[in-house]
């Protein structure tokens, strides 16, 4: 009888142990198959921004995304829309910034990567610069600050796993912006130094193996009537045909100690301007097709390139697109001067050229927030925005207009999170409908962000075990 009970007890124990092991195995399986909305958790600081662009490109069925990762180094990941496979992220190179624990501002954020794929299918990344330092030598087109502007290229076509950093662009750059034309020519636009520097471009006709010397197109210079210098913030993009379009605002770069404003040097910007670069002829023109002398000065910009004078409120981040007829639509964020070192909340103002004059869109329906602009016709316009909705809910959404920007309606919400702060990229080049924009969501209490790839179906998900880059790299 004792043996019988012993056998029964052993059988019960075995069953309980087996169930526990099965539950543990099931839990492990569930954890291994858990999906999350983000593709990586190592976005660092302001991991993407509209000004450094493009942050992503869709090419041959795959979307490639670039962002600022751990210690401000550039990272690239890819998503195959056919196989639904993620790859990466892989570190592209090493930024000169983000490594000094003694800096008061530990995250500089000016060297975020821009990405481009050349006609031979090699991938290019520009990253890491905020004007260079005095140790790097004389800057003939501006002043110095920090970091080095670097250019990395994939070792193999369409392969993000191995990279080589080349020494073929000026290290004094910042705010890199890549554009490739239909003939394969590559243009890299950037500011040649810190605030008091010209904006320039370097051109490559051999798939980025070599670049021509920097050519200035916006001129910095000393003001004579006040203690300040002229400075600029342009945003460049493909127009129609051989054109590159430019929306830009003006930064009055005051001396730290000046007699005009006790706030010293502040991020004060004004006005909105527009011009066009015909890459075939090499000519720069305004919207009326009048030639502009390069590099453009503040006086010439005010005379021939102004969209709207905004002398009192502050501006930020111009954006632009053109309709099929070549008529531009431009936008800029505008907020009040509140007497502080930052402006009050900014709201997007939009303008369109009707062939004779710049018309301002009412767009009073648009919420406050930063974003990018897509024009499909003279009447059909979309704005991709990050903003805070009701109840402390952060949203990434699209607002559409069918009347040329006079009114907008929210048409799609790509991502919605409570108590979240987002940074947003410009629109991905040639985007797949499922992958239009890259977003970083701040992780509370850290300098890191979860990175999302968003499109018409919402976030493109990934296995949590793959998206936990920080954990995987420990």
Protein backbone atom coordinates (compact mmCIF):
# COMPACT_ATOMS: atom_id res chain seq x y z
CA UNK A 1 0.00 0.00 0.00
CA UNK A 2 2.83 2.39 0.85
CA UNK A 3 4.44 1.70 -2.49
CA UNK A 4 1.13 2.43 -4.24
CA UNK A 5 0.78 5.83 -2.53
CA UNK A 6 4.42 6.60 -3.22
CA UNK A 7 3.96 5.89 -6.90
CA UNK A 8 0.84 8.10 -7.00
CA UNK A 9 2.66 10.96 -5.25
CA UNK A 10 5.61 10.65 -7.57
CA UNK A 11 3.28 10.75 -10.55
CA UNK A 12 1.57 13.88 -9.20
CA UNK A 13 4.93 15.57 -8.61
CA UNK A 14 6.05 14.63 -12.09
CA UNK A 15 2.88 16.07 -13.60
CA UNK A 16 3.22 19.29 -11.62
CA UNK A 17 6.88 19.62 -12.60
CA UNK A 18 6.04 18.89 -16.23
CA UNK A 19 3.27 21.51 -16.21
CA UNK A 20 5.61 24.06 -14.65
CA UNK A 21 8.27 23.35 -17.27
CA UNK A 22 5.69 23.59 -20.05
CA UNK A 23 4.45 26.91 -18.66
CA UNK A 24 8.02 28.17 -18.42
CA UNK A 25 8.72 27.06 -21.97
CA UNK A 26 5.49 28.67 -23.17
CA UNK A 27 6.41 31.88 -21.38
CA UNK A 28 9.80 31.84 -23.08
CA UNK A 29 8.16 31.22 -26.45
CA UNK A 30 5.70 34.07 -25.82
CA UNK A 31 8.55 36.40 -24.84
CA UNK A 32 10.54 35.43 -27.93
CA UNK A 33 7.55 36.15 -30.18
CA UNK A 34 6.38 39.36 -28.51
CA UNK A 35 6.03 42.22 -30.98
CA UNK A 36 6.53 45.92 -30.24
CA UNK A 37 5.71 49.04 -32.23
CA UNK A 38 9.28 50.38 -32.20
CA UNK A 39 12.20 48.99 -34.21
CA UNK A 40 15.02 50.10 -31.88
CA UNK A 41 15.38 51.51 -28.36
CA UNK A 42 18.74 53.25 -28.73
CA UNK A 43 17.72 56.55 -30.29
CA UNK A 44 19.78 59.15 -28.41
CA UNK A 45 18.89 62.77 -27.64
CA UNK A 46 16.96 64.31 -30.51
CA UNK A 47 17.54 61.23 -32.61
CA UNK A 48 16.00 62.63 -35.82
CA UNK A 49 15.02 66.11 -36.99
CA UNK A 50 13.46 67.70 -40.03
CA UNK A 51 16.50 69.86 -40.77
CA UNK A 52 18.96 66.96 -41.16
CA UNK A 53 17.43 65.06 -44.01
CA UNK A 54 16.54 62.75 -45.48
CA UNK A 55 16.57 60.37 -42.52
CA UNK A 56 15.17 57.59 -44.64
CA UNK A 57 14.85 56.38 -48.23
CA UNK A 58 12.73 53.70 -49.90
CA UNK A 59 14.65 51.83 -52.58
CA UNK A 60 14.00 48.53 -54.39
CA UNK A 61 11.41 47.27 -51.92
CA UNK A 62 13.34 48.23 -48.77
CA UNK A 63 13.11 51.25 -46.49
CA UNK A 64 16.45 52.37 -45.03
CA UNK A 65 16.37 54.55 -41.92
CA UNK A 66 19.14 56.53 -40.21
CA UNK A 67 19.13 58.10 -36.75
CA UNK A 68 21.36 59.35 -33.95
CA UNK A 69 22.08 56.50 -31.56
CA UNK A 70 24.13 55.88 -28.45
CA UNK A 71 26.80 58.55 -27.79
CA UNK A 72 25.60 60.47 -30.88
CA UNK A 73 26.96 57.88 -33.30
CA UNK A 74 24.92 57.28 -36.49
CA UNK A 75 22.92 54.06 -36.85
CA UNK A 76 21.10 52.55 -39.84
CA UNK A 77 18.36 49.91 -39.99
CA UNK A 78 16.33 48.52 -42.88
CA UNK A 79 12.91 46.98 -43.43
CA UNK A 80 12.03 44.69 -46.35
CA UNK A 81 8.38 45.28 -47.26
CA UNK A 82 8.08 41.96 -49.09
CA UNK A 83 9.65 39.60 -46.57
CA UNK A 84 8.66 41.76 -43.53
CA UNK A 85 12.24 41.40 -42.30
CA UNK A 86 14.12 43.97 -40.22
CA UNK A 87 17.90 44.25 -40.31
CA UNK A 88 20.14 46.21 -37.98
CA UNK A 89 20.52 48.70 -36.57
CA UNK A 90 24.23 48.84 -37.35
CA UNK A 91 26.60 51.58 -36.24
CA UNK A 92 27.81 53.47 -39.29
CA UNK A 93 30.74 55.36 -37.81
CA UNK A 94 32.00 57.22 -34.76
CA UNK A 95 30.99 60.81 -34.15
CA UNK A 96 33.51 63.17 -32.62
CA UNK A 97 30.69 64.41 -30.38
CA UNK A 98 28.88 62.82 -27.48
CA UNK A 99 31.94 61.32 -25.78
CA UNK A 100 33.07 64.08 -23.38
CA UNK A 101 31.41 63.75 -19.93
CA UNK A 102 32.77 67.16 -18.92
CA UNK A 103 30.69 69.11 -21.45
CA UNK A 104 27.87 71.05 -19.82
CA UNK A 105 25.58 70.19 -22.70
CA UNK A 106 26.36 66.53 -23.04
CA UNK A 107 24.19 65.92 -26.12
CA UNK A 108 24.99 68.33 -28.95
CA UNK A 109 22.39 66.98 -31.44
CA UNK A 110 23.80 68.85 -34.45
CA UNK A 111 25.42 65.85 -36.14
CA UNK A 112 22.37 63.70 -36.83
CA UNK A 113 22.74 61.58 -39.97
CA UNK A 114 21.41 62.23 -43.45
CA UNK A 115 21.14 59.26 -45.84
CA UNK A 116 21.34 58.81 -49.63
CA UNK A 117 21.64 55.87 -52.04
CA UNK A 118 23.69 56.51 -55.18
CA UNK A 119 23.13 55.13 -58.68
CA UNK A 120 25.49 52.21 -57.96
CA UNK A 121 23.39 51.29 -54.89
CA UNK A 122 25.99 52.29 -52.32
CA UNK A 123 24.54 53.93 -49.21
CA UNK A 124 25.93 57.25 -47.99
CA UNK A 125 25.65 58.82 -44.54
CA UNK A 126 26.74 62.36 -43.59
CA UNK A 127 27.02 62.88 -39.84
CA UNK A 128 28.88 64.15 -36.83
CA UNK A 129 29.53 67.84 -37.39
CA UNK A 130 28.88 71.09 -35.55
CA UNK A 131 31.41 73.32 -37.23
CA UNK A 132 34.71 71.67 -36.36
CA UNK A 133 37.23 73.03 -33.88
CA UNK A 134 40.20 75.42 -34.07
CA UNK A 135 42.47 72.39 -33.81
CA UNK A 136 41.11 71.36 -37.22
CA UNK A 137 42.64 74.47 -38.80
CA UNK A 138 41.30 77.66 -40.37
CA UNK A 139 37.70 77.75 -41.51
CA UNK A 140 37.71 80.09 -44.53
CA UNK A 141 33.90 80.31 -44.68
CA UNK A 142 32.93 80.71 -41.04
CA UNK A 143 33.71 80.01 -37.41
CA UNK A 144 34.27 76.88 -35.32
CA UNK A 145 32.44 75.02 -32.61
CA UNK A 146 32.55 71.22 -32.15
CA UNK A 147 32.73 67.83 -33.84
CA UNK A 148 33.65 66.89 -37.41
CA UNK A 149 31.41 66.54 -40.43
CA UNK A 150 32.03 63.02 -41.75
CA UNK A 151 30.98 60.96 -44.77
CA UNK A 152 30.55 57.18 -44.53
CA UNK A 153 29.75 54.78 -47.37
CA UNK A 154 28.59 51.18 -47.23
CA UNK A 155 31.33 48.75 -48.20
CA UNK A 156 28.91 46.84 -50.41
CA UNK A 157 25.83 47.89 -52.40
CA UNK A 158 22.62 47.96 -50.30
CA UNK A 159 24.44 46.36 -47.35
CA UNK A 160 24.08 48.21 -44.04
CA UNK A 161 26.34 45.93 -42.03
CA UNK A 162 29.78 47.31 -42.98
CA UNK A 163 30.89 50.91 -43.48
CA UNK A 164 33.90 52.97 -44.45
CA UNK A 165 34.44 56.60 -43.46
CA UNK A 166 35.93 58.67 -46.28
CA UNK A 167 37.92 61.91 -46.14
CA UNK A 168 36.30 63.73 -49.06
CA UNK A 169 34.04 66.46 -47.61
CA UNK A 170 34.73 69.49 -45.43
CA UNK A 171 34.84 68.58 -41.74
CA UNK A 172 33.48 72.05 -40.82
CA UNK A 173 29.91 71.18 -41.78
CA UNK A 174 26.70 70.81 -39.78
CA UNK A 175 22.99 70.30 -40.59
CA UNK A 176 23.78 67.98 -43.51
CA UNK A 177 21.14 67.63 -46.25
CA UNK A 178 21.58 65.16 -49.14
CA UNK A 179 19.92 65.44 -52.57
CA UNK A 180 20.39 63.21 -55.63
CA UNK A 181 19.27 64.39 -59.05
CA UNK A 182 17.89 62.27 -61.90
CA UNK A 183 21.28 62.21 -63.64
CA UNK A 184 22.92 60.76 -60.51
CA UNK A 185 24.65 63.94 -59.36
CA UNK A 186 24.83 64.16 -55.57
CA UNK A 187 24.57 67.43 -53.66
CA UNK A 188 25.49 67.72 -50.01
CA UNK A 189 24.27 70.98 -48.46
CA UNK A 190 25.36 72.17 -45.03
CA UNK A 191 26.43 75.14 -42.95
CA UNK A 192 30.20 75.55 -43.19
CA UNK A 193 30.84 76.04 -39.46
CA UNK A 194 28.96 77.37 -36.46
CA UNK A 195 26.34 80.16 -36.50
CA UNK A 196 28.57 82.73 -38.20
CA UNK A 197 29.26 80.78 -41.37
CA UNK A 198 28.20 80.54 -45.00
CA UNK A 199 25.86 77.84 -46.18
CA UNK A 200 27.45 75.77 -48.95
CA UNK A 201 27.05 72.73 -51.13
CA UNK A 202 29.50 70.16 -52.40
CA UNK A 203 28.73 68.28 -55.60
CA UNK A 204 29.74 64.77 -56.65
CA UNK A 205 29.42 63.39 -60.17
CA UNK A 206 31.00 59.99 -59.42
CA UNK A 207 28.61 58.47 -56.87
CA UNK A 208 30.24 60.18 -53.92
CA UNK A 209 33.79 58.95 -54.49
CA UNK A 210 34.92 62.58 -54.76
CA UNK A 211 33.27 65.94 -54.12
CA UNK A 212 34.00 69.33 -55.63
CA UNK A 213 35.06 72.19 -53.38
CA UNK A 214 32.36 73.91 -51.27
CA UNK A 215 30.29 76.56 -53.08
CA UNK A 216 28.60 79.23 -50.94
CA UNK A 217 24.94 80.10 -51.54
CA UNK A 218 23.96 81.97 -48.32
CA UNK A 219 26.34 84.56 -46.94
CA UNK A 220 27.04 85.37 -43.31
CA UNK A 221 28.38 88.86 -42.60
CA UNK A 222 28.70 91.42 -39.87
CA UNK A 223 25.88 93.88 -39.29
CA UNK A 224 27.01 97.51 -39.04
CA UNK A 225 24.09 99.12 -37.21
CA UNK A 226 23.81 96.56 -34.39
CA UNK A 227 26.12 94.11 -32.63
CA UNK A 228 25.19 90.99 -34.56
CA UNK A 229 25.85 88.93 -37.68
CA UNK A 230 23.58 87.66 -40.43
CA UNK A 231 22.95 83.94 -40.23
CA UNK A 232 20.56 81.51 -41.94
CA UNK A 233 18.61 78.27 -41.62
CA UNK A 234 17.64 76.80 -45.01
CA UNK A 235 15.78 73.60 -45.85
CA UNK A 236 16.45 72.15 -49.31
CA UNK A 237 14.58 69.57 -51.33
CA UNK A 238 13.98 68.32 -54.87
CA UNK A 239 11.67 70.45 -56.95
CA UNK A 240 10.47 69.54 -60.43
CA UNK A 241 12.97 68.46 -63.10
CA UNK A 242 16.45 69.83 -62.47
CA UNK A 243 15.38 72.18 -59.65
CA UNK A 244 16.31 72.20 -55.99
CA UNK A 245 13.98 74.35 -53.91
CA UNK A 246 14.94 76.24 -50.76
CA UNK A 247 12.81 77.59 -47.92
CA UNK A 248 14.80 79.54 -45.35
CA UNK A 249 14.55 81.95 -42.45
CA UNK A 250 16.95 84.51 -41.00
CA UNK A 251 18.80 84.20 -37.69
CA UNK A 252 19.92 87.47 -36.15
CA UNK A 253 23.08 86.17 -34.50
CA UNK A 254 23.57 88.69 -31.69
CA UNK A 255 26.81 89.00 -29.76
CA UNK A 256 26.67 87.41 -26.32
CA UNK A 257 27.08 90.92 -24.92
CA UNK A 258 25.35 93.57 -26.99
CA UNK A 259 23.65 96.90 -26.37
CA UNK A 260 20.43 96.00 -28.19
CA UNK A 261 19.11 92.96 -26.31
CA UNK A 262 20.04 91.97 -22.73
CA UNK A 263 19.22 88.35 -23.51
CA UNK A 264 22.45 88.16 -25.52
CA UNK A 265 22.73 85.43 -28.13
CA UNK A 266 19.32 83.78 -28.44
CA UNK A 267 17.71 81.51 -31.08
CA UNK A 268 15.87 84.45 -32.62
CA UNK A 269 14.80 83.96 -36.24
CA UNK A 270 12.60 86.03 -38.50
CA UNK A 271 10.96 86.11 -41.95
CA UNK A 272 10.45 83.42 -44.56
CA UNK A 273 12.26 83.26 -47.91
CA UNK A 274 12.21 81.05 -51.00
CA UNK A 275 14.50 80.48 -54.00
CA UNK A 276 15.29 77.86 -56.63
CA UNK A 277 18.57 76.34 -57.80
CA UNK A 278 18.58 75.04 -61.37
CA UNK A 279 21.24 72.34 -61.22
CA UNK A 280 21.44 72.06 -65.01
CA UNK A 281 22.31 75.72 -65.62
CA UNK A 282 23.83 76.47 -62.21
CA UNK A 283 21.53 79.50 -61.82
CA UNK A 284 19.77 80.58 -58.64
CA UNK A 285 16.46 82.40 -59.13
CA UNK A 286 13.55 83.70 -57.12
CA UNK A 287 9.94 82.66 -57.59
CA UNK A 288 9.55 85.28 -60.35
CA UNK A 289 12.40 83.68 -62.32
CA UNK A 290 14.72 86.62 -61.60
CA UNK A 291 18.41 85.82 -61.17
CA UNK A 292 19.96 85.99 -57.71
CA UNK A 293 23.59 86.86 -57.11
CA UNK A 294 25.39 84.24 -55.05
CA UNK A 295 26.11 83.93 -52.23
CA UNK A 296 22.85 85.60 -51.27
CA UNK A 297 23.08 88.45 -48.75
CA UNK A 298 20.42 89.60 -46.30
CA UNK A 299 19.80 92.73 -48.38
CA UNK A 300 19.27 90.78 -51.61
CA UNK A 301 17.10 88.21 -49.84
CA UNK A 302 14.84 90.97 -48.48
CA UNK A 303 14.61 92.56 -51.92
CA UNK A 304 14.03 89.52 -54.11
CA UNK A 305 13.44 86.29 -52.17
CA UNK A 306 11.10 87.16 -49.32
CA UNK A 307 7.84 85.23 -48.93
CA UNK A 308 6.71 87.08 -45.82
CA UNK A 309 8.35 89.56 -43.50
CA UNK A 310 7.87 88.36 -39.90
CA UNK A 311 9.80 91.00 -37.95
CA UNK A 312 8.34 90.62 -34.45
CA UNK A 313 7.39 86.98 -33.96
CA UNK A 314 10.03 84.26 -34.10
CA UNK A 315 10.24 81.68 -36.85
CA UNK A 316 11.61 78.13 -36.98
CA UNK A 317 12.13 75.41 -39.58
CA UNK A 318 11.07 76.29 -43.08
CA UNK A 319 9.68 73.52 -45.31
CA UNK A 320 8.70 73.51 -48.98
CA UNK A 321 7.19 71.48 -51.81
CA UNK A 322 5.97 72.25 -55.32
CA UNK A 323 2.82 71.28 -57.18
CA UNK A 324 2.98 69.62 -60.63
CA UNK A 325 2.97 73.08 -62.25
CA UNK A 326 6.07 74.09 -60.28
CA UNK A 327 4.25 76.53 -58.00
CA UNK A 328 5.75 76.34 -54.52
CA UNK A 329 4.03 75.86 -51.19
CA UNK A 330 6.18 76.84 -48.23
CA UNK A 331 5.71 76.80 -44.48
CA UNK A 332 7.40 77.93 -41.31
CA UNK A 333 6.67 77.67 -37.60
CA UNK A 334 5.84 81.03 -35.99
CA UNK A 335 5.59 81.93 -32.31
CA UNK A 336 5.50 85.15 -30.25
CA UNK A 337 8.51 86.83 -28.68
CA UNK A 338 7.70 86.57 -24.95
CA UNK A 339 10.82 88.27 -23.67
CA UNK A 340 12.55 85.01 -22.77
CA UNK A 341 15.38 83.12 -24.42
CA UNK A 342 12.79 80.99 -26.21
CA UNK A 343 9.68 82.08 -28.04
CA UNK A 344 6.14 81.20 -27.09
CA UNK A 345 4.47 78.14 -28.68
CA UNK A 346 4.83 78.03 -32.45
CA UNK A 347 2.21 77.19 -35.05
CA UNK A 348 2.75 76.32 -38.72
CA UNK A 349 1.99 79.07 -41.23
CA UNK A 350 1.64 78.10 -44.89
CA UNK A 351 2.02 80.16 -48.05
CA UNK A 352 1.50 79.34 -51.72
CA UNK A 353 2.50 81.06 -54.93
CA UNK A 354 -0.41 81.58 -57.35
CA UNK A 355 1.78 82.77 -60.24
CA UNK A 356 1.54 86.42 -59.25
CA UNK A 357 1.80 86.70 -55.46
CA UNK A 358 2.33 84.79 -52.24
CA UNK A 359 -0.99 83.93 -50.60
CA UNK A 360 -1.15 82.96 -46.96
CA UNK A 361 -3.30 79.99 -46.07
CA UNK A 362 -5.63 80.43 -43.14
CA UNK A 363 -5.11 76.83 -41.87
CA UNK A 364 -6.48 77.77 -38.47
CA UNK A 365 -7.49 74.14 -37.98
CA UNK A 366 -3.88 72.94 -37.71
CA UNK A 367 -2.70 72.29 -34.15
CA UNK A 368 0.63 73.49 -32.81
CA UNK A 369 3.47 71.19 -33.77
CA UNK A 370 6.38 70.55 -36.07
CA UNK A 371 6.13 68.64 -39.33
CA UNK A 372 6.68 68.23 -43.04
CA UNK A 373 4.70 69.16 -46.14
CA UNK A 374 3.54 67.10 -49.12
CA UNK A 375 1.87 68.73 -52.15
CA UNK A 376 0.20 66.48 -54.69
CA UNK A 377 -1.70 69.20 -56.59
CA UNK A 378 -2.41 72.92 -56.33
CA UNK A 379 -5.35 72.08 -54.10
CA UNK A 380 -4.31 68.84 -52.38
CA UNK A 381 -1.86 69.31 -49.52
CA UNK A 382 -0.89 67.10 -46.60
CA UNK A 383 0.93 68.10 -43.43
CA UNK A 384 2.58 65.44 -41.27
CA UNK A 385 2.69 66.72 -37.68
CA UNK A 386 3.81 65.80 -34.21
CA UNK A 387 1.74 67.57 -31.60
CA UNK A 388 0.17 67.20 -28.18
CA UNK A 389 -3.52 66.36 -28.32
CA UNK A 390 -6.08 66.60 -25.57
CA UNK A 391 -5.43 64.91 -22.24
CA UNK A 392 -1.63 65.01 -22.52
CA UNK A 393 -1.70 62.60 -25.46
CA UNK A 394 1.11 62.93 -28.00
CA UNK A 395 0.21 62.25 -31.62
CA UNK A 396 1.87 61.76 -34.95
CA UNK A 397 -0.79 62.42 -37.55
CA UNK A 398 -1.59 63.68 -41.04
CA UNK A 399 -3.80 66.64 -41.82
CA UNK A 400 -5.19 66.97 -45.35
CA UNK A 401 -6.45 69.94 -47.32
CA UNK A 402 -8.41 69.87 -50.56
CA UNK A 403 -8.68 73.66 -50.95
CA UNK A 404 -5.05 74.71 -51.25
CA UNK A 405 -4.43 74.92 -47.53
CA UNK A 406 -7.33 77.16 -46.55
CA UNK A 407 -8.64 74.44 -44.25
CA UNK A 408 -7.36 71.11 -42.95
CA UNK A 409 -8.92 68.01 -41.47
CA UNK A 410 -7.11 65.33 -39.50
CA UNK A 411 -7.21 62.28 -41.76
CA UNK A 412 -4.96 59.74 -40.09
CA UNK A 413 -3.28 59.09 -36.75
CA UNK A 414 -0.07 57.09 -37.16
CA UNK A 415 0.94 56.93 -33.49
CA UNK A 416 -0.66 58.01 -30.23
CA UNK A 417 0.88 57.82 -26.76
CA UNK A 418 0.02 59.30 -23.37
CA UNK A 419 2.57 61.48 -21.59
CA UNK A 420 4.99 61.17 -24.51
CA UNK A 421 7.35 63.60 -26.23
CA UNK A 422 8.27 62.98 -29.86
CA UNK A 423 10.88 64.07 -32.36
CA UNK A 424 10.01 63.68 -36.02
CA UNK A 425 11.95 63.34 -39.26
CA UNK A 426 11.13 64.88 -42.61
CA UNK A 427 9.27 62.64 -45.03
CA UNK A 428 11.22 59.63 -46.23
CA UNK A 429 12.49 59.94 -49.81
CA UNK A 430 10.21 58.15 -52.29
CA UNK A 431 8.24 56.68 -49.36
CA UNK A 432 6.41 53.37 -49.33
CA UNK A 433 2.86 53.98 -48.04
CA UNK A 434 3.64 51.89 -44.96
CA UNK A 435 6.84 53.81 -44.14
CA UNK A 436 6.50 57.56 -44.52
CA UNK A 437 8.21 59.04 -41.49
CA UNK A 438 10.61 58.23 -38.61
CA UNK A 439 9.78 59.16 -35.03
CA UNK A 440 11.61 59.01 -31.71
CA UNK A 441 9.64 58.74 -28.45
CA UNK A 442 11.44 59.79 -25.29
CA UNK A 443 11.90 57.12 -22.64
CA UNK A 444 11.17 58.76 -19.30
CA UNK A 445 14.16 59.36 -17.06
CA UNK A 446 16.72 58.63 -19.77
CA UNK A 447 18.40 60.27 -22.76
CA UNK A 448 17.12 57.49 -25.03
CA UNK A 449 14.19 57.21 -27.39
CA UNK A 450 12.26 54.32 -28.89
CA UNK A 451 12.41 54.64 -32.67
CA UNK A 452 9.33 54.08 -34.86
CA UNK A 453 8.84 53.71 -38.59
CA UNK A 454 5.34 54.96 -39.35
CA UNK A 455 3.08 54.73 -42.38
CA UNK A 456 -0.54 54.41 -43.39
CA UNK A 457 -0.95 51.21 -41.39
CA UNK A 458 0.63 52.69 -38.28
CA UNK A 459 3.95 51.54 -36.79
CA UNK A 460 5.85 48.73 -38.51
CA UNK A 461 6.30 46.25 -35.69
CA UNK A 462 9.32 44.20 -34.74
CA UNK A 463 10.17 41.38 -32.36
CA UNK A 464 10.86 42.89 -28.96
CA UNK A 465 13.98 40.74 -28.61
CA UNK A 466 15.37 42.36 -31.77
CA UNK A 467 14.26 45.92 -30.93
CA UNK A 468 16.00 45.89 -27.52
CA UNK A 469 19.29 47.14 -28.92
CA UNK A 470 20.56 48.49 -25.60
CA UNK A 471 20.00 45.18 -23.84
CA UNK A 472 21.50 43.19 -26.71
CA UNK A 473 24.68 45.31 -26.70
CA UNK A 474 25.40 44.92 -22.98
